[in-house]
Amino acid sequence: MNDTIIEADVQLRQFQQVLSIIEKHQFNKRKLITILQQVQEEYRYLPQEVLTYVATALDMPVAEVYGVATFYAHFSLEAKGKYIIKVCDGTACHVKGSARLLDVLYNKLKLSEKKNTTDDMLFTIEAVSCLGACGLAPVMVVNDKVYGEVSIKKCDEILKSIAEEETRISSFN
């Protein structure tokens, strides 16, 4: 099969999942935030065409759905990697070297503040104001796993373990 057909099949399955999510919530406009959260779990972000689809299915103006999606920081309109790495840059973390961690991550993954997702969609780096774990500074979160007292060495180990896991997974495919 060629890549175009495979991509179209993936998109069709994702749109079917979006419809399933909307149906599960009985096309209820009051469930918009929950619907968007579940859609974002499917795509890892909220694509414009999906926001339009959700608006049409819920009989809402696209601007209203877009407004909700852009109001809440939890939602993203940009594609994110499989592994979202959040580095706290709050006061305690900054004092303990979080800026250096960000520099190391950007360098190792060939990213920057402007380009924060790898081309293979494996990693996204986000600097965040506070993760609420100041006693563990500097703190880094990979998806939902919290890492405290992260040194450059520990950061390297975390990236290495992710790479090993990805290699293990791909060897089964």
N, C-alpha and C. Protein backbone atom coordinates (compact mmCIF):
# COMPACT_ATOMS: atom_id res chain seq x y z
N MET A 1 0.84 -1.18 0.00
CA MET A 1 0.00 0.00 0.00
C MET A 1 0.88 1.24 0.00
N ASN A 2 0.44 2.27 -0.70
CA ASN A 2 1.28 3.46 -0.67
C ASN A 2 0.92 4.34 0.53
N ASP A 3 1.81 5.27 0.86
CA ASP A 3 1.66 6.08 2.06
C ASP A 3 0.41 6.95 2.06
N THR A 4 -0.02 7.42 0.90
CA THR A 4 -1.21 8.26 0.81
C THR A 4 -2.46 7.49 1.24
N ILE A 5 -2.57 6.27 0.81
CA ILE A 5 -3.73 5.44 1.17
C ILE A 5 -3.71 5.14 2.67
N ILE A 6 -2.54 4.83 3.20
CA ILE A 6 -2.42 4.55 4.63
C ILE A 6 -2.82 5.78 5.44
N GLU A 7 -2.33 6.96 5.03
CA GLU A 7 -2.65 8.21 5.73
C GLU A 7 -4.15 8.50 5.67
N ALA A 8 -4.78 8.28 4.52
CA ALA A 8 -6.22 8.50 4.38
C ALA A 8 -6.99 7.55 5.29
N ASP A 9 -6.55 6.31 5.40
CA ASP A 9 -7.19 5.33 6.26
C ASP A 9 -7.10 5.75 7.73
N VAL A 10 -5.94 6.24 8.13
CA VAL A 10 -5.74 6.72 9.51
C VAL A 10 -6.67 7.90 9.78
N GLN A 11 -6.74 8.85 8.85
CA GLN A 11 -7.60 10.01 9.03
C GLN A 11 -9.08 9.61 9.13
N LEU A 12 -9.49 8.66 8.29
CA LEU A 12 -10.87 8.20 8.33
C LEU A 12 -11.19 7.59 9.69
N ARG A 13 -10.27 6.74 10.20
CA ARG A 13 -10.49 6.12 11.51
C ARG A 13 -10.56 7.18 12.61
N GLN A 14 -9.73 8.22 12.51
CA GLN A 14 -9.74 9.27 13.52
C GLN A 14 -11.06 10.05 13.46
N PHE A 15 -11.55 10.38 12.27
CA PHE A 15 -12.82 11.09 12.15
C PHE A 15 -13.97 10.21 12.67
N GLN A 16 -13.91 8.91 12.42
CA GLN A 16 -14.92 8.01 12.96
C GLN A 16 -14.88 8.03 14.48
N GLN A 17 -13.68 8.11 15.04
CA GLN A 17 -13.54 8.18 16.50
C GLN A 17 -14.12 9.49 17.02
N VAL A 18 -13.90 10.60 16.30
CA VAL A 18 -14.46 11.89 16.70
C VAL A 18 -15.98 11.80 16.72
N LEU A 19 -16.55 11.23 15.67
CA LEU A 19 -18.01 11.06 15.62
C LEU A 19 -18.49 10.20 16.78
N SER A 20 -17.76 9.14 17.09
CA SER A 20 -18.11 8.27 18.20
C SER A 20 -18.10 9.04 19.53
N ILE A 21 -17.12 9.90 19.70
CA ILE A 21 -17.03 10.72 20.92
C ILE A 21 -18.23 11.65 21.01
N ILE A 22 -18.56 12.30 19.91
CA ILE A 22 -19.70 13.23 19.90
C ILE A 22 -20.99 12.48 20.17
N GLU A 23 -21.15 11.30 19.55
CA GLU A 23 -22.35 10.49 19.77
C GLU A 23 -22.45 10.04 21.22
N LYS A 24 -21.31 9.66 21.81
CA LYS A 24 -21.29 9.21 23.20
C LYS A 24 -21.83 10.31 24.12
N HIS A 25 -21.61 11.55 23.74
CA HIS A 25 -22.08 12.68 24.54
C HIS A 25 -23.38 13.26 23.99
N GLN A 26 -24.04 12.47 23.15
CA GLN A 26 -25.38 12.75 22.63
C GLN A 26 -25.49 14.13 21.97
N PHE A 27 -24.43 14.54 21.27
CA PHE A 27 -24.41 15.81 20.55
C PHE A 27 -24.75 16.99 21.46
N ASN A 28 -24.39 16.86 22.74
CA ASN A 28 -24.71 17.86 23.76
C ASN A 28 -23.66 18.97 23.76
N LYS A 29 -24.09 20.19 23.44
CA LYS A 29 -23.19 21.36 23.40
C LYS A 29 -22.53 21.61 24.75
N ARG A 30 -23.23 21.28 25.82
CA ARG A 30 -22.69 21.51 27.17
C ARG A 30 -21.49 20.61 27.47
N LYS A 31 -21.30 19.60 26.66
CA LYS A 31 -20.18 18.66 26.84
C LYS A 31 -18.99 19.02 25.95
N LEU A 32 -18.98 20.24 25.41
CA LEU A 32 -17.96 20.64 24.45
C LEU A 32 -16.54 20.44 25.00
N ILE A 33 -16.28 20.88 26.22
CA ILE A 33 -14.93 20.76 26.77
C ILE A 33 -14.53 19.29 26.89
N THR A 34 -15.43 18.46 27.38
CA THR A 34 -15.15 17.03 27.49
C THR A 34 -14.91 16.42 26.12
N ILE A 35 -15.72 16.81 25.15
CA ILE A 35 -15.55 16.32 23.78
C ILE A 35 -14.19 16.73 23.24
N LEU A 36 -13.82 17.99 23.42
CA LEU A 36 -12.52 18.47 22.93
C LEU A 36 -11.36 17.75 23.62
N GLN A 37 -11.51 17.48 24.91
CA GLN A 37 -10.46 16.75 25.63
C GLN A 37 -10.27 15.36 25.02
N GLN A 38 -11.37 14.69 24.77
CA GLN A 38 -11.29 13.33 24.23
C GLN A 38 -10.78 13.33 22.78
N VAL A 39 -11.17 14.35 22.02
CA VAL A 39 -10.67 14.47 20.65
C VAL A 39 -9.17 14.72 20.67
N GLN A 40 -8.73 15.58 21.59
CA GLN A 40 -7.30 15.86 21.68
C GLN A 40 -6.51 14.60 22.07
N GLU A 41 -7.09 13.75 22.88
CA GLU A 41 -6.43 12.47 23.21
C GLU A 41 -6.23 11.64 21.95
N GLU A 42 -7.17 11.70 21.03
CA GLU A 42 -7.09 10.93 19.79
C GLU A 42 -6.00 11.47 18.85
N TYR A 43 -5.93 12.80 18.71
CA TYR A 43 -5.02 13.43 17.75
C TYR A 43 -3.74 13.98 18.38
N ARG A 44 -3.73 14.18 19.69
CA ARG A 44 -2.66 14.84 20.44
C ARG A 44 -2.67 16.35 20.23
N TYR A 45 -3.65 16.84 19.51
CA TYR A 45 -3.91 18.27 19.34
C TYR A 45 -5.29 18.41 18.71
N LEU A 46 -5.72 19.65 18.46
CA LEU A 46 -7.03 19.88 17.86
C LEU A 46 -6.85 20.50 16.47
N PRO A 47 -6.88 19.67 15.43
CA PRO A 47 -6.74 20.19 14.07
C PRO A 47 -7.93 21.09 13.69
N GLN A 48 -7.67 22.10 12.88
CA GLN A 48 -8.72 23.04 12.47
C GLN A 48 -9.91 22.32 11.84
N GLU A 49 -9.66 21.34 10.97
CA GLU A 49 -10.77 20.66 10.30
C GLU A 49 -11.62 19.87 11.29
N VAL A 50 -11.01 19.40 12.37
CA VAL A 50 -11.76 18.68 13.39
C VAL A 50 -12.61 19.64 14.22
N LEU A 51 -12.07 20.82 14.52
CA LEU A 51 -12.86 21.82 15.24
C LEU A 51 -14.09 22.21 14.42
N THR A 52 -13.92 22.35 13.12
CA THR A 52 -15.04 22.67 12.23
C THR A 52 -16.06 21.54 12.23
N TYR A 53 -15.58 20.31 12.19
CA TYR A 53 -16.45 19.13 12.22
C TYR A 53 -17.24 19.08 13.52
N VAL A 54 -16.55 19.31 14.65
CA VAL A 54 -17.22 19.29 15.96
C VAL A 54 -18.28 20.38 15.99
N ALA A 55 -17.95 21.58 15.53
CA ALA A 55 -18.90 22.69 15.52
C ALA A 55 -20.14 22.34 14.70
N THR A 56 -19.93 21.78 13.53
CA THR A 56 -21.05 21.40 12.66
C THR A 56 -21.90 20.32 13.32
N ALA A 57 -21.25 19.31 13.89
CA ALA A 57 -21.99 18.21 14.52
C ALA A 57 -22.80 18.68 15.72
N LEU A 58 -22.28 19.69 16.44
CA LEU A 58 -22.98 20.19 17.63
C LEU A 58 -23.88 21.38 17.31
N ASP A 59 -23.94 21.74 16.02
CA ASP A 59 -24.74 22.88 15.57
C ASP A 59 -24.34 24.16 16.33
N MET A 60 -23.04 24.41 16.35
CA MET A 60 -22.48 25.58 17.02
C MET A 60 -21.66 26.37 16.01
N PRO A 61 -21.50 27.67 16.25
CA PRO A 61 -20.60 28.43 15.39
C PRO A 61 -19.15 27.95 15.57
N VAL A 62 -18.41 27.86 14.49
CA VAL A 62 -17.01 27.43 14.55
C VAL A 62 -16.23 28.37 15.48
N ALA A 63 -16.55 29.65 15.44
CA ALA A 63 -15.85 30.64 16.27
C ALA A 63 -16.01 30.33 17.76
N GLU A 64 -17.16 29.83 18.14
CA GLU A 64 -17.40 29.50 19.55
C GLU A 64 -16.55 28.29 19.97
N VAL A 65 -16.51 27.27 19.14
CA VAL A 65 -15.70 26.08 19.43
C VAL A 65 -14.22 26.48 19.45
N TYR A 66 -13.80 27.26 18.48
CA TYR A 66 -12.43 27.73 18.40
C TYR A 66 -12.09 28.58 19.64
N GLY A 67 -13.03 29.40 20.07
CA GLY A 67 -12.84 30.23 21.26
C GLY A 67 -12.57 29.40 22.50
N VAL A 68 -13.31 28.33 22.67
CA VAL A 68 -13.09 27.43 23.82
C VAL A 68 -11.72 26.75 23.69
N ALA A 69 -11.41 26.30 22.48
CA ALA A 69 -10.14 25.59 22.26
C ALA A 69 -8.93 26.49 22.48
N THR A 70 -9.08 27.78 22.23
CA THR A 70 -7.94 28.69 22.41
C THR A 70 -7.92 29.32 23.80
N PHE A 71 -9.03 29.30 24.51
CA PHE A 71 -9.09 29.90 25.84
C PHE A 71 -8.33 29.07 26.88
N TYR A 72 -8.51 27.76 26.83
CA TYR A 72 -7.92 26.89 27.83
C TYR A 72 -6.52 26.44 27.41
N ALA A 73 -5.56 26.62 28.30
CA ALA A 73 -4.16 26.28 28.01
C ALA A 73 -3.97 24.78 27.77
N HIS A 74 -4.87 23.98 28.29
CA HIS A 74 -4.78 22.52 28.13
C HIS A 74 -4.87 22.11 26.66
N PHE A 75 -5.61 22.89 25.87
CA PHE A 75 -5.81 22.53 24.47
C PHE A 75 -4.68 23.08 23.60
N SER A 76 -4.37 22.34 22.55
CA SER A 76 -3.33 22.75 21.62
C SER A 76 -3.86 22.69 20.20
N LEU A 77 -3.57 23.72 19.42
CA LEU A 77 -3.95 23.74 18.02
C LEU A 77 -2.77 23.31 17.13
N GLU A 78 -1.66 23.00 17.76
CA GLU A 78 -0.47 22.55 17.03
C GLU A 78 -0.18 21.10 17.39
N ALA A 79 0.25 20.36 16.39
CA ALA A 79 0.57 18.94 16.61
C ALA A 79 1.69 18.81 17.63
N LYS A 80 1.56 17.83 18.49
CA LYS A 80 2.57 17.57 19.51
C LYS A 80 3.10 16.16 19.35
N GLY A 81 4.29 15.95 19.87
CA GLY A 81 4.93 14.66 19.79
C GLY A 81 4.30 13.63 20.71
N LYS A 82 4.71 12.40 20.53
CA LYS A 82 4.24 11.30 21.37
C LYS A 82 4.66 11.52 22.82
N TYR A 83 5.86 12.08 23.01
CA TYR A 83 6.36 12.37 24.35
C TYR A 83 6.43 13.88 24.53
N ILE A 84 5.57 14.39 25.41
CA ILE A 84 5.56 15.82 25.70
C ILE A 84 6.39 16.04 26.95
N ILE A 85 7.50 16.74 26.78
CA ILE A 85 8.42 17.00 27.88
C ILE A 85 8.19 18.43 28.35
N LYS A 86 7.71 18.55 29.58
CA LYS A 86 7.50 19.86 30.18
C LYS A 86 8.61 20.10 31.19
N VAL A 87 9.28 21.21 31.03
CA VAL A 87 10.34 21.58 31.97
C VAL A 87 9.87 22.81 32.71
N CYS A 88 9.82 22.69 34.03
CA CYS A 88 9.39 23.80 34.87
C CYS A 88 10.47 24.89 34.84
N ASP A 89 10.05 26.11 34.63
CA ASP A 89 10.98 27.23 34.68
C ASP A 89 10.49 28.27 35.70
N GLY A 90 9.78 27.78 36.71
CA GLY A 90 9.38 28.65 37.81
C GLY A 90 10.61 29.04 38.62
N THR A 91 10.44 29.90 39.59
CA THR A 91 11.57 30.44 40.34
C THR A 91 12.47 29.37 40.93
N ALA A 92 11.91 28.43 41.68
CA ALA A 92 12.73 27.40 42.33
C ALA A 92 13.48 26.56 41.29
N CYS A 93 12.79 26.17 40.24
CA CYS A 93 13.43 25.35 39.20
C CYS A 93 14.48 26.15 38.43
N HIS A 94 14.16 27.41 38.15
CA HIS A 94 15.10 28.24 37.41
C HIS A 94 16.40 28.41 38.19
N VAL A 95 16.26 28.69 39.48
CA VAL A 95 17.44 28.87 40.34
C VAL A 95 18.28 27.58 40.37
N LYS A 96 17.61 26.43 40.28
CA LYS A 96 18.32 25.15 40.35
C LYS A 96 18.72 24.60 38.98
N GLY A 97 18.60 25.41 37.91
CA GLY A 97 19.17 25.02 36.62
C GLY A 97 18.24 24.55 35.53
N SER A 98 16.96 24.89 35.60
CA SER A 98 16.04 24.41 34.56
C SER A 98 16.36 25.00 33.19
N ALA A 99 16.90 26.22 33.16
CA ALA A 99 17.25 26.82 31.86
C ALA A 99 18.32 25.98 31.17
N ARG A 100 19.26 25.47 31.92
CA ARG A 100 20.31 24.61 31.36
C ARG A 100 19.70 23.30 30.85
N LEU A 101 18.72 22.74 31.58
CA LEU A 101 18.03 21.53 31.12
C LEU A 101 17.34 21.78 29.78
N LEU A 102 16.67 22.91 29.67
CA LEU A 102 16.01 23.25 28.41
C LEU A 102 17.02 23.34 27.27
N ASP A 103 18.14 24.00 27.54
CA ASP A 103 19.19 24.13 26.52
C ASP A 103 19.68 22.76 26.07
N VAL A 104 19.91 21.86 27.02
CA VAL A 104 20.38 20.52 26.70
C VAL A 104 19.35 19.77 25.87
N LEU A 105 18.08 19.85 26.26
CA LEU A 105 17.02 19.17 25.52
C LEU A 105 16.90 19.73 24.10
N TYR A 106 16.88 21.05 23.98
CA TYR A 106 16.79 21.66 22.65
C TYR A 106 17.96 21.21 21.79
N ASN A 107 19.15 21.18 22.35
CA ASN A 107 20.34 20.79 21.61
C ASN A 107 20.29 19.32 21.19
N LYS A 108 20.01 18.43 22.14
CA LYS A 108 19.99 16.99 21.85
C LYS A 108 18.92 16.62 20.83
N LEU A 109 17.78 17.29 20.90
CA LEU A 109 16.67 16.96 20.02
C LEU A 109 16.61 17.87 18.78
N LYS A 110 17.59 18.76 18.66
CA LYS A 110 17.69 19.69 17.53
C LYS A 110 16.42 20.53 17.41
N LEU A 111 16.01 21.10 18.54
CA LEU A 111 14.81 21.93 18.60
C LEU A 111 15.17 23.31 19.12
N SER A 112 14.15 24.17 19.19
CA SER A 112 14.33 25.53 19.71
C SER A 112 13.01 25.99 20.32
N GLU A 113 13.00 27.18 20.87
CA GLU A 113 11.75 27.70 21.42
C GLU A 113 10.69 27.83 20.32
N LYS A 114 11.12 28.17 19.11
CA LYS A 114 10.19 28.35 18.00
C LYS A 114 9.77 27.03 17.36
N LYS A 115 10.68 26.08 17.30
CA LYS A 115 10.38 24.75 16.75
C LYS A 115 10.54 23.76 17.89
N ASN A 116 9.42 23.44 18.54
CA ASN A 116 9.52 22.64 19.75
C ASN A 116 9.07 21.19 19.60
N THR A 117 8.80 20.74 18.37
CA THR A 117 8.42 19.34 18.12
C THR A 117 9.33 18.76 17.06
N THR A 118 9.84 17.56 17.33
CA THR A 118 10.73 16.91 16.38
C THR A 118 9.96 16.53 15.11
N ASP A 119 10.67 16.45 14.00
CA ASP A 119 10.05 16.14 12.71
C ASP A 119 9.38 14.77 12.71
N ASP A 120 9.91 13.84 13.50
CA ASP A 120 9.32 12.50 13.55
C ASP A 120 8.12 12.42 14.51
N MET A 121 7.74 13.58 15.08
CA MET A 121 6.60 13.68 15.99
C MET A 121 6.78 12.83 17.25
N LEU A 122 8.02 12.60 17.64
CA LEU A 122 8.28 11.80 18.83
C LEU A 122 8.33 12.67 20.08
N PHE A 123 8.94 13.86 19.98
CA PHE A 123 9.13 14.72 21.16
C PHE A 123 8.61 16.13 20.94
N THR A 124 8.02 16.67 22.00
CA THR A 124 7.69 18.09 22.07
C THR A 124 8.24 18.59 23.39
N ILE A 125 8.91 19.74 23.34
CA ILE A 125 9.45 20.35 24.56
C ILE A 125 8.64 21.61 24.86
N GLU A 126 8.23 21.74 26.11
CA GLU A 126 7.51 22.92 26.56
C GLU A 126 8.13 23.44 27.85
N ALA A 127 8.44 24.72 27.87
CA ALA A 127 8.85 25.37 29.12
C ALA A 127 7.56 25.88 29.76
N VAL A 128 7.34 25.52 31.03
CA VAL A 128 6.11 25.93 31.71
C VAL A 128 6.46 26.75 32.95
N SER A 129 5.53 27.59 33.36
CA SER A 129 5.79 28.50 34.46
C SER A 129 5.95 27.81 35.81
N CYS A 130 5.13 26.81 36.06
CA CYS A 130 5.23 26.10 37.34
C CYS A 130 4.51 24.76 37.22
N LEU A 131 5.12 23.74 37.77
CA LEU A 131 4.49 22.42 37.80
C LEU A 131 4.00 22.06 39.21
N GLY A 132 4.21 22.96 40.15
CA GLY A 132 3.71 22.75 41.50
C GLY A 132 4.48 21.73 42.31
N ALA A 133 5.74 21.52 41.96
CA ALA A 133 6.57 20.57 42.70
C ALA A 133 7.90 21.23 43.05
N CYS A 134 7.83 22.41 43.61
CA CYS A 134 9.02 23.23 43.87
C CYS A 134 10.05 22.53 44.75
N GLY A 135 9.60 21.70 45.66
CA GLY A 135 10.51 20.98 46.54
C GLY A 135 11.37 19.96 45.81
N LEU A 136 11.00 19.63 44.57
CA LEU A 136 11.74 18.66 43.77
C LEU A 136 12.58 19.33 42.67
N ALA A 137 12.72 20.63 42.74
CA ALA A 137 13.38 21.40 41.67
C ALA A 137 14.79 20.90 41.38
N PRO A 138 15.16 20.97 40.09
CA PRO A 138 14.32 21.27 38.92
C PRO A 138 13.48 20.05 38.52
N VAL A 139 12.30 20.34 38.01
CA VAL A 139 11.31 19.31 37.71
C VAL A 139 11.06 19.23 36.21
N MET A 140 10.89 18.00 35.74
CA MET A 140 10.57 17.73 34.34
C MET A 140 9.45 16.69 34.33
N VAL A 141 8.49 16.87 33.46
CA VAL A 141 7.39 15.91 33.31
C VAL A 141 7.42 15.39 31.88
N VAL A 142 7.40 14.07 31.75
CA VAL A 142 7.30 13.45 30.43
C VAL A 142 5.94 12.77 30.39
N ASN A 143 5.06 13.31 29.55
CA ASN A 143 3.66 12.92 29.52
C ASN A 143 3.11 13.09 30.94
N ASP A 144 2.81 12.05 31.67
CA ASP A 144 2.27 12.23 33.02
C ASP A 144 3.24 11.82 34.11
N LYS A 145 4.46 11.48 33.74
CA LYS A 145 5.43 11.02 34.73
C LYS A 145 6.32 12.19 35.18
N VAL A 146 6.36 12.40 36.49
CA VAL A 146 7.11 13.51 37.08
C VAL A 146 8.51 13.04 37.47
N TYR A 147 9.50 13.80 37.08
CA TYR A 147 10.89 13.55 37.45
C TYR A 147 11.38 14.75 38.26
N GLY A 148 11.86 14.49 39.47
CA GLY A 148 12.36 15.57 40.32
C GLY A 148 13.87 15.56 40.41
N GLU A 149 14.40 16.71 40.83
CA GLU A 149 15.84 16.89 41.00
C GLU A 149 16.59 16.42 39.75
N VAL A 150 16.14 16.91 38.61
CA VAL A 150 16.68 16.47 37.33
C VAL A 150 18.00 17.18 37.03
N SER A 151 19.05 16.38 36.94
CA SER A 151 20.37 16.88 36.54
C SER A 151 20.50 16.67 35.04
N ILE A 152 21.57 17.17 34.46
CA ILE A 152 21.84 16.93 33.05
C ILE A 152 21.98 15.43 32.80
N LYS A 153 22.68 14.74 33.70
CA LYS A 153 22.87 13.29 33.58
C LYS A 153 21.52 12.57 33.64
N LYS A 154 20.67 12.95 34.59
CA LYS A 154 19.36 12.30 34.72
C LYS A 154 18.51 12.58 33.48
N CYS A 155 18.61 13.78 32.95
CA CYS A 155 17.89 14.15 31.74
C CYS A 155 18.32 13.24 30.58
N ASP A 156 19.62 13.04 30.44
CA ASP A 156 20.15 12.14 29.41
C ASP A 156 19.62 10.72 29.59
N GLU A 157 19.58 10.26 30.84
CA GLU A 157 19.09 8.91 31.13
C GLU A 157 17.61 8.76 30.75
N ILE A 158 16.84 9.80 31.02
CA ILE A 158 15.41 9.78 30.69
C ILE A 158 15.23 9.67 29.18
N LEU A 159 15.96 10.50 28.43
CA LEU A 159 15.87 10.46 26.96
C LEU A 159 16.33 9.10 26.43
N LYS A 160 17.38 8.57 27.02
CA LYS A 160 17.91 7.27 26.59
C LYS A 160 16.88 6.17 26.85
N SER A 161 16.20 6.20 27.98
CA SER A 161 15.21 5.15 28.28
C SER A 161 14.01 5.25 27.32
N ILE A 162 13.64 6.47 26.94
CA ILE A 162 12.56 6.63 25.96
C ILE A 162 12.99 6.07 24.61
N ALA A 163 14.22 6.40 24.20
CA ALA A 163 14.73 5.90 22.92
C ALA A 163 14.78 4.37 22.92
N GLU A 164 15.21 3.78 24.03
CA GLU A 164 15.25 2.32 24.13
C GLU A 164 13.86 1.71 24.05
N GLU A 165 12.91 2.33 24.70
CA GLU A 165 11.53 1.86 24.66
C GLU A 165 10.98 1.93 23.24
N GLU A 166 11.26 3.03 22.54
CA GLU A 166 10.80 3.19 21.17
C GLU A 166 11.43 2.14 20.25
N THR A 167 12.70 1.84 20.48
CA THR A 167 13.39 0.82 19.69
C THR A 167 12.76 -0.54 19.95
N ARG A 168 12.46 -0.81 21.22
CA ARG A 168 11.82 -2.08 21.58
C ARG A 168 10.45 -2.21 20.92
N ILE A 169 9.67 -1.13 20.96
CA ILE A 169 8.33 -1.14 20.37
C ILE A 169 8.42 -1.35 18.87
N SER A 170 9.33 -0.61 18.20
CA SER A 170 9.43 -0.72 16.74
C SER A 170 9.94 -2.09 16.29
N SER A 171 10.68 -2.77 17.16
CA SER A 171 11.17 -4.09 16.77
C SER A 171 10.03 -5.12 16.74
N PHE A 172 8.92 -4.82 17.40
CA PHE A 172 7.76 -5.72 17.38
C PHE A 172 6.87 -5.45 16.18
N ASN A 173 7.03 -4.30 15.54
CA ASN A 173 6.16 -3.95 14.39
C ASN A 173 6.70 -4.43 13.10
